[in-house]
Amino acid sequence: MSCPICGEDTLKKFRPFCSKRCADIDLAKWLNGSYAVPSQREEDMEADVEANVPGVPKPH
């Protein structure tokens, strides 16, 4: 298995990363919003549908 950050071989202690440095880089990406998980909440899906309905006035 290779490290998802740098591509080096992983070490059991830091798996799936090769070092604490790469694990910290990955954590920083999650914390600053570089990674995002799409929402599956029903309210979000309804809002998206309502926002795309033609002829419905949108709030400003």
PDB file of N, CA and C in Angstrom:
ATOM      1  N   MET A   1       0.854  -1.169   0.000  1.00  0.00           N
ATOM      2  CA  MET A   1       0.000   0.000   0.000  1.00  0.00           C
ATOM      3  C   MET A   1       0.904   1.237   0.000  1.00  0.00           C
ATOM      4  N   SER A   2       0.519   2.242  -0.771  1.00  0.00           N
ATOM      5  CA  SER A   2       1.320   3.459  -0.811  1.00  0.00           C
ATOM      6  C   SER A   2       0.581   4.609  -0.128  1.00  0.00           C
ATOM      7  N   CYS A   3       1.342   5.547   0.387  1.00  0.00           N
ATOM      8  CA  CYS A   3       0.824   6.716   1.098  1.00  0.00           C
ATOM      9  C   CYS A   3       0.008   7.583   0.126  1.00  0.00           C
ATOM     10  N   PRO A   4      -1.213   7.988   0.499  1.00  0.00           N
ATOM     11  CA  PRO A   4      -2.024   8.803  -0.398  1.00  0.00           C
ATOM     12  C   PRO A   4      -1.499  10.231  -0.577  1.00  0.00           C
ATOM     13  N   ILE A   5      -0.591  10.658   0.276  1.00  0.00           N
ATOM     14  CA  ILE A   5      -0.045  12.016   0.181  1.00  0.00           C
ATOM     15  C   ILE A   5       1.202  12.062  -0.689  1.00  0.00           C
ATOM     16  N   CYS A   6       2.176  11.185  -0.406  1.00  0.00           N
ATOM     17  CA  CYS A   6       3.446  11.268  -1.131  1.00  0.00           C
ATOM     18  C   CYS A   6       3.755  10.061  -2.016  1.00  0.00           C
ATOM     19  N   GLY A   7       3.029   8.960  -1.832  1.00  0.00           N
ATOM     20  CA  GLY A   7       3.247   7.787  -2.675  1.00  0.00           C
ATOM     21  C   GLY A   7       4.279   6.804  -2.150  1.00  0.00           C
ATOM     22  N   GLU A   8       4.924   7.111  -1.031  1.00  0.00           N
ATOM     23  CA  GLU A   8       5.911   6.187  -0.445  1.00  0.00           C
ATOM     24  C   GLU A   8       5.203   4.989   0.176  1.00  0.00           C
ATOM     25  N   ASP A   9       5.981   3.945   0.495  1.00  0.00           N
ATOM     26  CA  ASP A   9       5.417   2.787   1.177  1.00  0.00           C
ATOM     27  C   ASP A   9       4.949   3.185   2.572  1.00  0.00           C
ATOM     28  N   THR A  10       3.839   2.593   3.006  1.00  0.00           N
ATOM     29  CA  THR A  10       3.301   2.944   4.320  1.00  0.00           C
ATOM     30  C   THR A  10       4.003   2.170   5.422  1.00  0.00           C
ATOM     31  N   LEU A  11       3.928   2.734   6.626  1.00  0.00           N
ATOM     32  CA  LEU A  11       4.421   2.055   7.817  1.00  0.00           C
ATOM     33  C   LEU A  11       3.219   1.694   8.671  1.00  0.00           C
ATOM     34  N   LYS A  12       3.285   0.527   9.315  1.00  0.00           N
ATOM     35  CA  LYS A  12       2.170   0.046  10.118  1.00  0.00           C
ATOM     36  C   LYS A  12       1.740   1.084  11.153  1.00  0.00           C
ATOM     37  N   LYS A  13       2.687   1.768  11.761  1.00  0.00           N
ATOM     38  CA  LYS A  13       2.401   2.746  12.816  1.00  0.00           C
ATOM     39  C   LYS A  13       1.551   3.914  12.312  1.00  0.00           C
ATOM     40  N   PHE A  14       1.712   4.317  11.054  1.00  0.00           N
ATOM     41  CA  PHE A  14       1.036   5.496  10.508  1.00  0.00           C
ATOM     42  C   PHE A  14       0.014   5.162   9.423  1.00  0.00           C
ATOM     43  N   ARG A  15      -0.259   3.893   9.195  1.00  0.00           N
ATOM     44  CA  ARG A  15      -1.136   3.473   8.121  1.00  0.00           C
ATOM     45  C   ARG A  15      -2.440   4.247   8.108  1.00  0.00           C
ATOM     46  N   PRO A  16      -2.895   4.758   6.992  1.00  0.00           N
ATOM     47  CA  PRO A  16      -2.472   4.482   5.621  1.00  0.00           C
ATOM     48  C   PRO A  16      -1.377   5.417   5.122  1.00  0.00           C
ATOM     49  N   PHE A  17      -0.729   6.144   6.022  1.00  0.00           N
ATOM     50  CA  PHE A  17       0.319   7.094   5.629  1.00  0.00           C
ATOM     51  C   PHE A  17       1.689   6.511   5.905  1.00  0.00           C
ATOM     52  N   CYS A  18       2.717   7.183   5.399  1.00  0.00           N
ATOM     53  CA  CYS A  18       4.080   6.698   5.590  1.00  0.00           C
ATOM     54  C   CYS A  18       4.739   7.335   6.806  1.00  0.00           C
ATOM     55  N   SER A  19       4.194   8.459   7.277  1.00  0.00           N
ATOM     56  CA  SER A  19       4.810   9.164   8.394  1.00  0.00           C
ATOM     57  C   SER A  19       3.785  10.061   9.084  1.00  0.00           C
ATOM     58  N   LYS A  20       4.158  10.576  10.245  1.00  0.00           N
ATOM     59  CA  LYS A  20       3.303  11.519  10.959  1.00  0.00           C
ATOM     60  C   LYS A  20       3.133  12.792  10.130  1.00  0.00           C
ATOM     61  N   ARG A  21       4.164  13.185   9.414  1.00  0.00           N
ATOM     62  CA  ARG A  21       4.091  14.386   8.582  1.00  0.00           C
ATOM     63  C   ARG A  21       2.972  14.271   7.549  1.00  0.00           C
ATOM     64  N   CYS A  22       2.910  13.150   6.832  1.00  0.00           N
ATOM     65  CA  CYS A  22       1.870  12.969   5.819  1.00  0.00           C
ATOM     66  C   CYS A  22       0.486  12.867   6.467  1.00  0.00           C
ATOM     67  N   ALA A  23       0.396  12.231   7.641  1.00  0.00           N
ATOM     68  CA  ALA A  23      -0.878  12.167   8.352  1.00  0.00           C
ATOM     69  C   ALA A  23      -1.329  13.568   8.747  1.00  0.00           C
ATOM     70  N   ASP A  24      -0.399  14.405   9.192  1.00  0.00           N
ATOM     71  CA  ASP A  24      -0.731  15.780   9.573  1.00  0.00           C
ATOM     72  C   ASP A  24      -1.139  16.619   8.361  1.00  0.00           C
ATOM     73  N   ILE A  25      -0.498  16.394   7.230  1.00  0.00           N
ATOM     74  CA  ILE A  25      -0.872  17.106   6.003  1.00  0.00           C
ATOM     75  C   ILE A  25      -2.313  16.748   5.624  1.00  0.00           C
ATOM     76  N   ASP A  26      -2.657  15.470   5.716  1.00  0.00           N
ATOM     77  CA  ASP A  26      -4.011  15.030   5.395  1.00  0.00           C
ATOM     78  C   ASP A  26      -5.023  15.641   6.361  1.00  0.00           C
ATOM     79  N   LEU A  27      -4.707  15.654   7.649  1.00  0.00           N
ATOM     80  CA  LEU A  27      -5.596  16.255   8.642  1.00  0.00           C
ATOM     81  C   LEU A  27      -5.801  17.735   8.352  1.00  0.00           C
ATOM     82  N   ALA A  28      -4.743  18.445   8.004  1.00  0.00           N
ATOM     83  CA  ALA A  28      -4.846  19.873   7.686  1.00  0.00           C
ATOM     84  C   ALA A  28      -5.760  20.106   6.478  1.00  0.00           C
ATOM     85  N   LYS A  29      -5.706  19.218   5.504  1.00  0.00           N
ATOM     86  CA  LYS A  29      -6.585  19.353   4.338  1.00  0.00           C
ATOM     87  C   LYS A  29      -8.046  19.216   4.738  1.00  0.00           C
ATOM     88  N   TRP A  30      -8.352  18.314   5.664  1.00  0.00           N
ATOM     89  CA  TRP A  30      -9.729  18.174   6.150  1.00  0.00           C
ATOM     90  C   TRP A  30     -10.131  19.416   6.931  1.00  0.00           C
ATOM     91  N   LEU A  31      -9.245  19.915   7.783  1.00  0.00           N
ATOM     92  CA  LEU A  31      -9.589  21.040   8.648  1.00  0.00           C
ATOM     93  C   LEU A  31      -9.760  22.354   7.895  1.00  0.00           C
ATOM     94  N   ASN A  32      -9.015  22.556   6.805  1.00  0.00           N
ATOM     95  CA  ASN A  32      -9.146  23.826   6.079  1.00  0.00           C
ATOM     96  C   ASN A  32     -10.172  23.763   4.950  1.00  0.00           C
ATOM     97  N   GLY A  33     -10.828  22.605   4.787  1.00  0.00           N
ATOM     98  CA  GLY A  33     -11.897  22.495   3.808  1.00  0.00           C
ATOM     99  C   GLY A  33     -11.466  22.059   2.422  1.00  0.00           C
ATOM    100  N   SER A  34     -10.217  21.636   2.255  1.00  0.00           N
ATOM    101  CA  SER A  34      -9.773  21.149   0.943  1.00  0.00           C
ATOM    102  C   SER A  34     -10.497  19.868   0.552  1.00  0.00           C
ATOM    103  N   TYR A  35     -10.848  19.058   1.550  1.00  0.00           N
ATOM    104  CA  TYR A  35     -11.654  17.865   1.317  1.00  0.00           C
ATOM    105  C   TYR A  35     -13.072  18.203   1.765  1.00  0.00           C
ATOM    106  N   ALA A  36     -14.037  17.646   1.096  1.00  0.00           N
ATOM    107  CA  ALA A  36     -15.424  17.846   1.510  1.00  0.00           C
ATOM    108  C   ALA A  36     -16.224  16.587   1.178  1.00  0.00           C
ATOM    109  N   VAL A  37     -17.131  16.260   2.057  1.00  0.00           N
ATOM    110  CA  VAL A  37     -18.007  15.121   1.848  1.00  0.00           C
ATOM    111  C   VAL A  37     -19.379  15.674   1.487  1.00  0.00           C
ATOM    112  N   PRO A  38     -19.940  15.275   0.354  1.00  0.00           N
ATOM    113  CA  PRO A  38     -21.248  15.791  -0.035  1.00  0.00           C
ATOM    114  C   PRO A  38     -22.319  15.398   0.975  1.00  0.00           C
ATOM    115  N   SER A  39     -23.234  16.297   1.220  1.00  0.00           N
ATOM    116  CA  SER A  39     -24.312  16.050   2.163  1.00  0.00           C
ATOM    117  C   SER A  39     -25.374  15.169   1.528  1.00  0.00           C
ATOM    118  N   GLN A  40     -25.938  14.287   2.320  1.00  0.00           N
ATOM    119  CA  GLN A  40     -27.039  13.446   1.873  1.00  0.00           C
ATOM    120  C   GLN A  40     -28.309  13.777   2.658  1.00  0.00           C
ATOM    121  N   ARG A  41     -28.310  14.925   3.347  1.00  0.00           N
ATOM    122  CA  ARG A  41     -29.474  15.325   4.122  1.00  0.00           C
ATOM    123  C   ARG A  41     -30.624  15.689   3.202  1.00  0.00           C
ATOM    124  N   GLU A  42     -31.803  15.271   3.571  1.00  0.00           N
ATOM    125  CA  GLU A  42     -32.986  15.505   2.753  1.00  0.00           C
ATOM    126  C   GLU A  42     -33.259  17.002   2.588  1.00  0.00           C
ATOM    127  N   GLU A  43     -33.037  17.801   3.636  1.00  0.00           N
ATOM    128  CA  GLU A  43     -33.279  19.249   3.548  1.00  0.00           C
ATOM    129  C   GLU A  43     -32.400  19.894   2.481  1.00  0.00           C
ATOM    130  N   ASP A  44     -31.154  19.454   2.383  1.00  0.00           N
ATOM    131  CA  ASP A  44     -30.238  19.997   1.383  1.00  0.00           C
ATOM    132  C   ASP A  44     -30.698  19.648  -0.030  1.00  0.00           C
ATOM    133  N   MET A  45     -31.186  18.446  -0.207  1.00  0.00           N
ATOM    134  CA  MET A  45     -31.638  18.025  -1.531  1.00  0.00           C
ATOM    135  C   MET A  45     -32.883  18.804  -1.940  1.00  0.00           C
ATOM    136  N   GLU A  46     -33.810  19.035  -0.992  1.00  0.00           N
ATOM    137  CA  GLU A  46     -35.017  19.808  -1.290  1.00  0.00           C
ATOM    138  C   GLU A  46     -34.660  21.244  -1.648  1.00  0.00           C
ATOM    139  N   ALA A  47     -33.722  21.834  -0.940  1.00  0.00           N
ATOM    140  CA  ALA A  47     -33.307  23.205  -1.214  1.00  0.00           C
ATOM    141  C   ALA A  47     -32.699  23.315  -2.608  1.00  0.00           C
ATOM    142  N   ASP A  48     -31.926  22.316  -3.016  1.00  0.00           N
ATOM    143  CA  ASP A  48     -31.329  22.316  -4.352  1.00  0.00           C
ATOM    144  C   ASP A  48     -32.406  22.244  -5.429  1.00  0.00           C
ATOM    145  N   VAL A  49     -33.415  21.415  -5.207  1.00  0.00           N
ATOM    146  CA  VAL A  49     -34.497  21.279  -6.183  1.00  0.00           C
ATOM    147  C   VAL A  49     -35.275  22.588  -6.278  1.00  0.00           C
ATOM    148  N   GLU A  50     -35.619  23.171  -5.140  1.00  0.00           N
ATOM    149  CA  GLU A  50     -36.373  24.428  -5.128  1.00  0.00           C
ATOM    150  C   GLU A  50     -35.583  25.555  -5.791  1.00  0.00           C
ATOM    151  N   ALA A  51     -34.287  25.560  -5.633  1.00  0.00           N
ATOM    152  CA  ALA A  51     -33.450  26.616  -6.207  1.00  0.00           C
ATOM    153  C   ALA A  51     -33.411  26.529  -7.731  1.00  0.00           C
ATOM    154  N   ASN A  52     -33.705  25.372  -8.285  1.00  0.00           N
ATOM    155  CA  ASN A  52     -33.613  25.182  -9.734  1.00  0.00           C
ATOM    156  C   ASN A  52     -34.968  25.131 -10.434  1.00  0.00           C
ATOM    157  N   VAL A  53     -36.055  25.439  -9.726  1.00  0.00           N
ATOM    158  CA  VAL A  53     -37.385  25.413 -10.335  1.00  0.00           C
ATOM    159  C   VAL A  53     -37.595  26.717 -11.099  1.00  0.00           C
ATOM    160  N   PRO A  54     -37.838  26.652 -12.418  1.00  0.00           N
ATOM    161  CA  PRO A  54     -38.048  27.866 -13.190  1.00  0.00           C
ATOM    162  C   PRO A  54     -39.359  28.555 -12.793  1.00  0.00           C
ATOM    163  N   GLY A  55     -39.358  29.875 -12.803  1.00  0.00           N
ATOM    164  CA  GLY A  55     -40.542  30.661 -12.507  1.00  0.00           C
ATOM    165  C   GLY A  55     -40.767  30.917 -11.030  1.00  0.00           C
ATOM    166  N   VAL A  56     -39.961  30.314 -10.173  1.00  0.00           N
ATOM    167  CA  VAL A  56     -40.104  30.556  -8.742  1.00  0.00           C
ATOM    168  C   VAL A  56     -39.137  31.679  -8.359  1.00  0.00           C
ATOM    169  N   PRO A  57     -39.681  32.773  -7.762  1.00  0.00           N
ATOM    170  CA  PRO A  57     -38.786  33.880  -7.388  1.00  0.00           C
ATOM    171  C   PRO A  57     -37.798  33.426  -6.311  1.00  0.00           C
ATOM    172  N   LYS A  58     -36.580  33.906  -6.448  1.00  0.00           N
ATOM    173  CA  LYS A  58     -35.525  33.558  -5.504  1.00  0.00           C
ATOM    174  C   LYS A  58     -35.307  34.719  -4.546  1.00  0.00           C
ATOM    175  N   PRO A  59     -35.147  34.434  -3.253  1.00  0.00           N
ATOM    176  CA  PRO A  59     -34.887  35.526  -2.300  1.00  0.00           C
ATOM    177  C   PRO A  59     -33.531  36.159  -2.571  1.00  0.00           C
ATOM    178  N   HIS A  60     -33.418  37.406  -2.313  1.00  0.00           N
ATOM    179  CA  HIS A  60     -32.143  38.112  -2.551  1.00  0.00           C
ATOM    180  C   HIS A  60     -31.389  38.299  -1.292  1.00  0.00           C
TER     181      HIS A  60
END
